[in-house]
Amino acid sequence: MVLNLFIENFILIFVAIDPVGLLPIFAPFTKGLSKAEVMQLTLRSGFTAFFVLLAFWCFGSTILYYMGISIDSFKIIGGLFLIVIAYQMLFEQRQEQRQDTMDKAMRDSALSSLATFPIAIPLISGPGAIAITMLMQEKIDANLEQQIVGFLPIVMVLAMAAASLWLSSKVAKALPTSVIGAIQRVFGLLLGALAIEFVIDGIKTTFGLA
């Protein structure tokens, strides 16, 4: 049970953040920077993304409650949103959108602000990652063991995203674009299937079909 929870959550958050697909997007951020500057950028963006997702893990349900939104409604709209992301991954549209966001930021922002926008938000902890974080937290019990096991994949994938940022200038040159595209398509299919499960579950509960 615990292992299944860990594996499912890892796949979900890995697909949402997509640290492999971020490699070529991060490369222009680190090009020409010193090792100290890259480390500063990596740590700041990593911790910012961590605290964003931690906040939604801890208080996401409370936010929905005070807004009068049921978790089942959030499952439906969150699932539909994730289906769009899966479609973009399958047809390589997501990479282009991330690249456009990066290009604008490089013109308008200094290094100190890049860590927050757009690296931490929305490239790492974007709407998809936030939605999945809230949906993952809602599925598990309140006991400490499940909370730790459920949140651990988020920490691991964030560490992978930070590693992608640190290594991006070197790895992006060596990793063929076709390989990145193939990985994105595979995980896009997985994300689409999981997103449909969210939508079906939300509809069943909302209309009493379960």
C-alpha atoms as a PDB file:
ATOM      1  CA  MET A   1       0.000   0.000   0.000  1.00  0.00           C
ATOM      2  CA  VAL A   2       2.725   2.438   1.030  1.00  0.00           C
ATOM      3  CA  LEU A   3       4.930   1.416  -1.901  1.00  0.00           C
ATOM      4  CA  ASN A   4       2.030   1.800  -4.346  1.00  0.00           C
ATOM      5  CA  LEU A   5       1.328   5.268  -2.939  1.00  0.00           C
ATOM      6  CA  PHE A   6       4.960   6.271  -3.374  1.00  0.00           C
ATOM      7  CA  ILE A   7       5.198   4.961  -6.943  1.00  0.00           C
ATOM      8  CA  GLU A   8       1.913   6.542  -8.069  1.00  0.00           C
ATOM      9  CA  ASN A   9       2.765   9.909  -6.536  1.00  0.00           C
ATOM     10  CA  PHE A  10       6.255   9.821  -8.010  1.00  0.00           C
ATOM     11  CA  ILE A  11       4.917   9.216 -11.518  1.00  0.00           C
ATOM     12  CA  LEU A  12       2.307  11.951 -11.143  1.00  0.00           C
ATOM     13  CA  ILE A  13       4.654  14.667  -9.909  1.00  0.00           C
ATOM     14  CA  PHE A  14       7.497  13.592 -12.219  1.00  0.00           C
ATOM     15  CA  VAL A  15       5.213  13.981 -15.213  1.00  0.00           C
ATOM     16  CA  ALA A  16       3.899  17.330 -13.987  1.00  0.00           C
ATOM     17  CA  ILE A  17       7.322  18.876 -13.362  1.00  0.00           C
ATOM     18  CA  ASP A  18       9.145  16.951 -16.123  1.00  0.00           C
ATOM     19  CA  PRO A  19      12.750  17.568 -14.959  1.00  0.00           C
ATOM     20  CA  VAL A  20      14.166  15.896 -18.092  1.00  0.00           C
ATOM     21  CA  GLY A  21      12.185  18.155 -20.412  1.00  0.00           C
ATOM     22  CA  LEU A  22      13.372  21.176 -18.439  1.00  0.00           C
ATOM     23  CA  LEU A  23      17.031  20.519 -19.307  1.00  0.00           C
ATOM     24  CA  PRO A  24      17.117  22.402 -22.630  1.00  0.00           C
ATOM     25  CA  ILE A  25      14.875  25.131 -21.221  1.00  0.00           C
ATOM     26  CA  PHE A  26      17.216  25.758 -18.300  1.00  0.00           C
ATOM     27  CA  ALA A  27      20.336  25.867 -20.477  1.00  0.00           C
ATOM     28  CA  PRO A  28      20.056  29.556 -21.503  1.00  0.00           C
ATOM     29  CA  PHE A  29      19.663  30.554 -17.829  1.00  0.00           C
ATOM     30  CA  THR A  30      23.004  29.047 -16.854  1.00  0.00           C
ATOM     31  CA  LYS A  31      24.984  29.887 -19.981  1.00  0.00           C
ATOM     32  CA  GLY A  32      27.818  32.256 -19.142  1.00  0.00           C
ATOM     33  CA  LEU A  33      27.218  32.141 -15.386  1.00  0.00           C
ATOM     34  CA  SER A  34      29.919  31.263 -12.885  1.00  0.00           C
ATOM     35  CA  LYS A  35      29.602  28.137 -10.731  1.00  0.00           C
ATOM     36  CA  ALA A  36      28.710  30.270  -7.726  1.00  0.00           C
ATOM     37  CA  GLU A  37      25.960  32.040  -9.656  1.00  0.00           C
ATOM     38  CA  VAL A  38      24.554  28.745 -10.949  1.00  0.00           C
ATOM     39  CA  MET A  39      24.545  27.354  -7.410  1.00  0.00           C
ATOM     40  CA  GLN A  40      22.762  30.456  -6.124  1.00  0.00           C
ATOM     41  CA  LEU A  41      20.167  30.196  -8.880  1.00  0.00           C
ATOM     42  CA  THR A  42      19.675  26.464  -8.249  1.00  0.00           C
ATOM     43  CA  LEU A  43      19.244  26.738  -4.485  1.00  0.00           C
ATOM     44  CA  ARG A  44      16.950  29.739  -4.601  1.00  0.00           C
ATOM     45  CA  SER A  45      14.661  28.337  -7.275  1.00  0.00           C
ATOM     46  CA  GLY A  46      14.625  24.874  -5.678  1.00  0.00           C
ATOM     47  CA  PHE A  47      13.632  26.146  -2.245  1.00  0.00           C
ATOM     48  CA  THR A  48      11.044  28.521  -3.702  1.00  0.00           C
ATOM     49  CA  ALA A  49       9.384  25.691  -5.642  1.00  0.00           C
ATOM     50  CA  PHE A  50       9.531  23.476  -2.536  1.00  0.00           C
ATOM     51  CA  PHE A  51       7.755  25.984  -0.303  1.00  0.00           C
ATOM     52  CA  VAL A  52       5.117  26.691  -2.968  1.00  0.00           C
ATOM     53  CA  LEU A  53       4.187  23.013  -3.274  1.00  0.00           C
ATOM     54  CA  LEU A  54       4.452  22.470   0.488  1.00  0.00           C
ATOM     55  CA  ALA A  55       1.975  25.306   1.053  1.00  0.00           C
ATOM     56  CA  PHE A  56      -0.539  23.771  -1.327  1.00  0.00           C
ATOM     57  CA  TRP A  57       0.067  20.315   0.196  1.00  0.00           C
ATOM     58  CA  CYS A  58      -0.714  21.647   3.684  1.00  0.00           C
ATOM     59  CA  PHE A  59      -3.374  24.265   2.978  1.00  0.00           C
ATOM     60  CA  GLY A  60      -4.765  23.484  -0.484  1.00  0.00           C
ATOM     61  CA  SER A  61      -7.896  21.767   0.849  1.00  0.00           C
ATOM     62  CA  THR A  62      -8.505  24.634   3.279  1.00  0.00           C
ATOM     63  CA  ILE A  63      -8.261  27.157   0.459  1.00  0.00           C
ATOM     64  CA  LEU A  64     -10.819  25.196  -1.553  1.00  0.00           C
ATOM     65  CA  TYR A  65     -13.123  24.965   1.469  1.00  0.00           C
ATOM     66  CA  TYR A  66     -13.212  28.701   2.095  1.00  0.00           C
ATOM     67  CA  MET A  67     -13.763  29.313  -1.612  1.00  0.00           C
ATOM     68  CA  GLY A  68     -16.735  26.948  -1.574  1.00  0.00           C
ATOM     69  CA  ILE A  69     -15.127  24.507  -4.028  1.00  0.00           C
ATOM     70  CA  SER A  70     -15.513  20.767  -3.427  1.00  0.00           C
ATOM     71  CA  ILE A  71     -12.548  18.485  -3.935  1.00  0.00           C
ATOM     72  CA  ASP A  72     -14.596  16.546  -6.496  1.00  0.00           C
ATOM     73  CA  SER A  73     -15.060  19.676  -8.604  1.00  0.00           C
ATOM     74  CA  PHE A  74     -11.335  20.301  -8.315  1.00  0.00           C
ATOM     75  CA  LYS A  75     -10.649  16.728  -9.444  1.00  0.00           C
ATOM     76  CA  ILE A  76     -12.705  17.304 -12.575  1.00  0.00           C
ATOM     77  CA  ILE A  77     -11.211  20.655 -13.556  1.00  0.00           C
ATOM     78  CA  GLY A  78      -7.749  19.560 -12.437  1.00  0.00           C
ATOM     79  CA  GLY A  79      -8.028  16.393 -14.493  1.00  0.00           C
ATOM     80  CA  LEU A  80      -9.177  18.336 -17.557  1.00  0.00           C
ATOM     81  CA  PHE A  81      -6.287  20.758 -17.111  1.00  0.00           C
ATOM     82  CA  LEU A  82      -3.830  17.859 -16.891  1.00  0.00           C
ATOM     83  CA  ILE A  83      -5.294  16.346 -20.065  1.00  0.00           C
ATOM     84  CA  VAL A  84      -4.390  19.589 -21.843  1.00  0.00           C
ATOM     85  CA  ILE A  85      -0.832  19.328 -20.495  1.00  0.00           C
ATOM     86  CA  ALA A  86      -0.638  15.709 -21.658  1.00  0.00           C
ATOM     87  CA  TYR A  87      -1.781  16.770 -25.138  1.00  0.00           C
ATOM     88  CA  GLN A  88       0.872  19.484 -25.224  1.00  0.00           C
ATOM     89  CA  MET A  89       3.539  16.972 -24.190  1.00  0.00           C
ATOM     90  CA  LEU A  90       2.494  14.478 -26.851  1.00  0.00           C
ATOM     91  CA  PHE A  91       2.691  17.086 -29.612  1.00  0.00           C
ATOM     92  CA  GLU A  92       5.674  19.006 -28.168  1.00  0.00           C
ATOM     93  CA  GLN A  93       3.703  22.212 -27.622  1.00  0.00           C
ATOM     94  CA  ARG A  94       4.602  22.395 -23.930  1.00  0.00           C
ATOM     95  CA  GLN A  95       8.298  22.776 -24.688  1.00  0.00           C
ATOM     96  CA  GLU A  96       7.600  25.735 -26.988  1.00  0.00           C
ATOM     97  CA  GLN A  97       5.466  27.510 -24.355  1.00  0.00           C
ATOM     98  CA  ARG A  98       8.159  27.065 -21.716  1.00  0.00           C
ATOM     99  CA  GLN A  99      10.747  28.402 -24.148  1.00  0.00           C
ATOM    100  CA  ASP A 100       8.620  31.506 -24.825  1.00  0.00           C
ATOM    101  CA  THR A 101       8.302  32.124 -21.062  1.00  0.00           C
ATOM    102  CA  MET A 102      12.054  31.804 -20.651  1.00  0.00           C
ATOM    103  CA  ASP A 103      12.828  34.140 -23.563  1.00  0.00           C
ATOM    104  CA  LYS A 104      10.661  36.925 -22.110  1.00  0.00           C
ATOM    105  CA  ALA A 105      12.186  36.532 -18.663  1.00  0.00           C
ATOM    106  CA  MET A 106      15.737  36.707 -19.976  1.00  0.00           C
ATOM    107  CA  ARG A 107      14.951  40.109 -21.480  1.00  0.00           C
ATOM    108  CA  ASP A 108      13.088  41.572 -18.526  1.00  0.00           C
ATOM    109  CA  SER A 109      14.549  40.078 -15.327  1.00  0.00           C
ATOM    110  CA  ALA A 110      17.827  40.041 -13.486  1.00  0.00           C
ATOM    111  CA  LEU A 111      19.480  36.906 -12.132  1.00  0.00           C
ATOM    112  CA  SER A 112      18.132  37.430  -8.611  1.00  0.00           C
ATOM    113  CA  SER A 113      14.509  37.436  -9.758  1.00  0.00           C
ATOM    114  CA  LEU A 114      14.875  34.624 -12.306  1.00  0.00           C
ATOM    115  CA  ALA A 115      14.986  32.083  -9.481  1.00  0.00           C
ATOM    116  CA  THR A 116      11.424  32.987  -8.523  1.00  0.00           C
ATOM    117  CA  PHE A 117      10.017  33.758 -11.969  1.00  0.00           C
ATOM    118  CA  PRO A 118      10.007  31.931 -14.253  1.00  0.00           C
ATOM    119  CA  ILE A 119      12.231  29.100 -12.951  1.00  0.00           C
ATOM    120  CA  ALA A 120      10.472  28.224  -9.676  1.00  0.00           C
ATOM    121  CA  ILE A 121       7.111  29.525 -10.909  1.00  0.00           C
ATOM    122  CA  PRO A 122       5.839  28.402 -13.382  1.00  0.00           C
ATOM    123  CA  LEU A 123       8.549  26.196 -14.941  1.00  0.00           C
ATOM    124  CA  ILE A 124       8.986  23.934 -11.886  1.00  0.00           C
ATOM    125  CA  SER A 125       5.991  24.473  -9.605  1.00  0.00           C
ATOM    126  CA  GLY A 126       3.492  25.382 -12.288  1.00  0.00           C
ATOM    127  CA  PRO A 127      -0.303  24.943 -12.310  1.00  0.00           C
ATOM    128  CA  GLY A 128      -0.017  21.267 -13.221  1.00  0.00           C
ATOM    129  CA  ALA A 129       2.338  20.502 -10.319  1.00  0.00           C
ATOM    130  CA  ILE A 130       0.136  22.484  -7.918  1.00  0.00           C
ATOM    131  CA  ALA A 131      -3.018  20.691  -9.070  1.00  0.00           C
ATOM    132  CA  ILE A 132      -1.401  17.263  -8.760  1.00  0.00           C
ATOM    133  CA  THR A 133       0.025  18.125  -5.328  1.00  0.00           C
ATOM    134  CA  MET A 134      -3.444  18.968  -4.020  1.00  0.00           C
ATOM    135  CA  LEU A 135      -5.003  15.882  -5.587  1.00  0.00           C
ATOM    136  CA  MET A 136      -2.291  13.634  -4.157  1.00  0.00           C
ATOM    137  CA  GLN A 137      -2.723  15.063  -0.669  1.00  0.00           C
ATOM    138  CA  GLU A 138      -6.491  14.614  -0.770  1.00  0.00           C
ATOM    139  CA  LYS A 139      -6.199  10.889  -1.533  1.00  0.00           C
ATOM    140  CA  ILE A 140      -4.152   9.876   1.501  1.00  0.00           C
ATOM    141  CA  ASP A 141      -4.932   9.490   5.206  1.00  0.00           C
ATOM    142  CA  ALA A 142      -3.941  11.996   7.840  1.00  0.00           C
ATOM    143  CA  ASN A 143      -1.438   9.700   9.594  1.00  0.00           C
ATOM    144  CA  LEU A 144       2.168  10.860   9.617  1.00  0.00           C
ATOM    145  CA  GLU A 145       3.605   7.872   7.735  1.00  0.00           C
ATOM    146  CA  GLN A 146       1.355   8.323   4.710  1.00  0.00           C
ATOM    147  CA  GLN A 147       1.893  12.085   4.717  1.00  0.00           C
ATOM    148  CA  ILE A 148       5.668  11.599   4.616  1.00  0.00           C
ATOM    149  CA  VAL A 149       5.541   8.842   1.999  1.00  0.00           C
ATOM    150  CA  GLY A 150       3.076  10.867  -0.067  1.00  0.00           C
ATOM    151  CA  PHE A 151       5.144  14.051  -0.010  1.00  0.00           C
ATOM    152  CA  LEU A 152       8.560  12.388  -0.422  1.00  0.00           C
ATOM    153  CA  PRO A 153       8.183  11.983  -4.234  1.00  0.00           C
ATOM    154  CA  ILE A 154       7.637  15.746  -4.508  1.00  0.00           C
ATOM    155  CA  VAL A 155      10.907  16.390  -2.677  1.00  0.00           C
ATOM    156  CA  MET A 156      12.728  13.868  -4.875  1.00  0.00           C
ATOM    157  CA  VAL A 157      11.435  15.290  -8.152  1.00  0.00           C
ATOM    158  CA  LEU A 158      12.186  18.845  -7.013  1.00  0.00           C
ATOM    159  CA  ALA A 159      15.740  17.696  -6.296  1.00  0.00           C
ATOM    160  CA  MET A 160      15.865  16.245  -9.820  1.00  0.00           C
ATOM    161  CA  ALA A 161      14.616  19.549 -11.242  1.00  0.00           C
ATOM    162  CA  ALA A 162      17.306  21.392  -9.297  1.00  0.00           C
ATOM    163  CA  ALA A 163      19.885  18.942 -10.660  1.00  0.00           C
ATOM    164  CA  SER A 164      18.576  19.618 -14.163  1.00  0.00           C
ATOM    165  CA  LEU A 165      19.136  23.325 -13.621  1.00  0.00           C
ATOM    166  CA  TRP A 166      22.650  22.725 -12.295  1.00  0.00           C
ATOM    167  CA  LEU A 167      23.642  20.381 -15.120  1.00  0.00           C
ATOM    168  CA  SER A 168      21.606  21.941 -17.917  1.00  0.00           C
ATOM    169  CA  SER A 169      24.411  23.789 -19.679  1.00  0.00           C
ATOM    170  CA  LYS A 170      26.380  20.553 -20.169  1.00  0.00           C
ATOM    171  CA  VAL A 171      23.690  17.882 -20.420  1.00  0.00           C
ATOM    172  CA  ALA A 172      21.445  19.750 -22.860  1.00  0.00           C
ATOM    173  CA  LYS A 173      24.273  19.804 -25.400  1.00  0.00           C
ATOM    174  CA  ALA A 174      24.888  16.064 -25.103  1.00  0.00           C
ATOM    175  CA  LEU A 175      21.256  14.868 -24.946  1.00  0.00           C
ATOM    176  CA  PRO A 176      19.658  14.616 -28.419  1.00  0.00           C
ATOM    177  CA  THR A 177      16.403  16.494 -28.911  1.00  0.00           C
ATOM    178  CA  SER A 178      14.798  13.286 -30.213  1.00  0.00           C
ATOM    179  CA  VAL A 179      15.480  11.519 -26.907  1.00  0.00           C
ATOM    180  CA  ILE A 180      13.897  14.321 -24.902  1.00  0.00           C
ATOM    181  CA  GLY A 181      10.895  14.296 -27.234  1.00  0.00           C
ATOM    182  CA  ALA A 182      10.444  10.527 -26.870  1.00  0.00           C
ATOM    183  CA  ILE A 183      10.551  10.722 -23.067  1.00  0.00           C
ATOM    184  CA  GLN A 184       8.021  13.537 -23.067  1.00  0.00           C
ATOM    185  CA  ARG A 185       5.599  11.562 -25.243  1.00  0.00           C
ATOM    186  CA  VAL A 186       5.760   8.482 -23.024  1.00  0.00           C
ATOM    187  CA  PHE A 187       5.071  10.438 -19.872  1.00  0.00           C
ATOM    188  CA  GLY A 188       2.439  12.473 -21.701  1.00  0.00           C
ATOM    189  CA  LEU A 189       0.488   9.265 -22.308  1.00  0.00           C
ATOM    190  CA  LEU A 190       0.819   8.286 -18.642  1.00  0.00           C
ATOM    191  CA  LEU A 191      -0.317  11.713 -17.508  1.00  0.00           C
ATOM    192  CA  GLY A 192      -3.318  11.612 -19.851  1.00  0.00           C
ATOM    193  CA  ALA A 193      -4.436   8.243 -18.476  1.00  0.00           C
ATOM    194  CA  LEU A 194      -4.064   9.383 -14.857  1.00  0.00           C
ATOM    195  CA  ALA A 195      -5.864  12.655 -15.613  1.00  0.00           C
ATOM    196  CA  ILE A 196      -8.856  10.777 -17.044  1.00  0.00           C
ATOM    197  CA  GLU A 197      -8.998   8.714 -13.837  1.00  0.00           C
ATOM    198  CA  PHE A 198      -9.228  11.967 -11.846  1.00  0.00           C
ATOM    199  CA  VAL A 199     -12.091  13.207 -14.027  1.00  0.00           C
ATOM    200  CA  ILE A 200     -13.999   9.902 -13.834  1.00  0.00           C
ATOM    201  CA  ASP A 201     -13.564   9.722 -10.046  1.00  0.00           C
ATOM    202  CA  GLY A 202     -14.773  13.311  -9.619  1.00  0.00           C
ATOM    203  CA  ILE A 203     -17.839  12.762 -11.817  1.00  0.00           C
ATOM    204  CA  LYS A 204     -18.750   9.517 -10.046  1.00  0.00           C
ATOM    205  CA  THR A 205     -18.630  11.125  -6.607  1.00  0.00           C
ATOM    206  CA  THR A 206     -20.374  14.334  -7.669  1.00  0.00           C
ATOM    207  CA  PHE A 207     -23.317  12.535  -9.261  1.00  0.00           C
ATOM    208  CA  GLY A 208     -23.439   9.634  -6.795  1.00  0.00           C
ATOM    209  CA  LEU A 209     -22.402   7.040  -9.373  1.00  0.00           C
ATOM    210  CA  ALA A 210     -19.719   5.402  -7.234  1.00  0.00           C
END
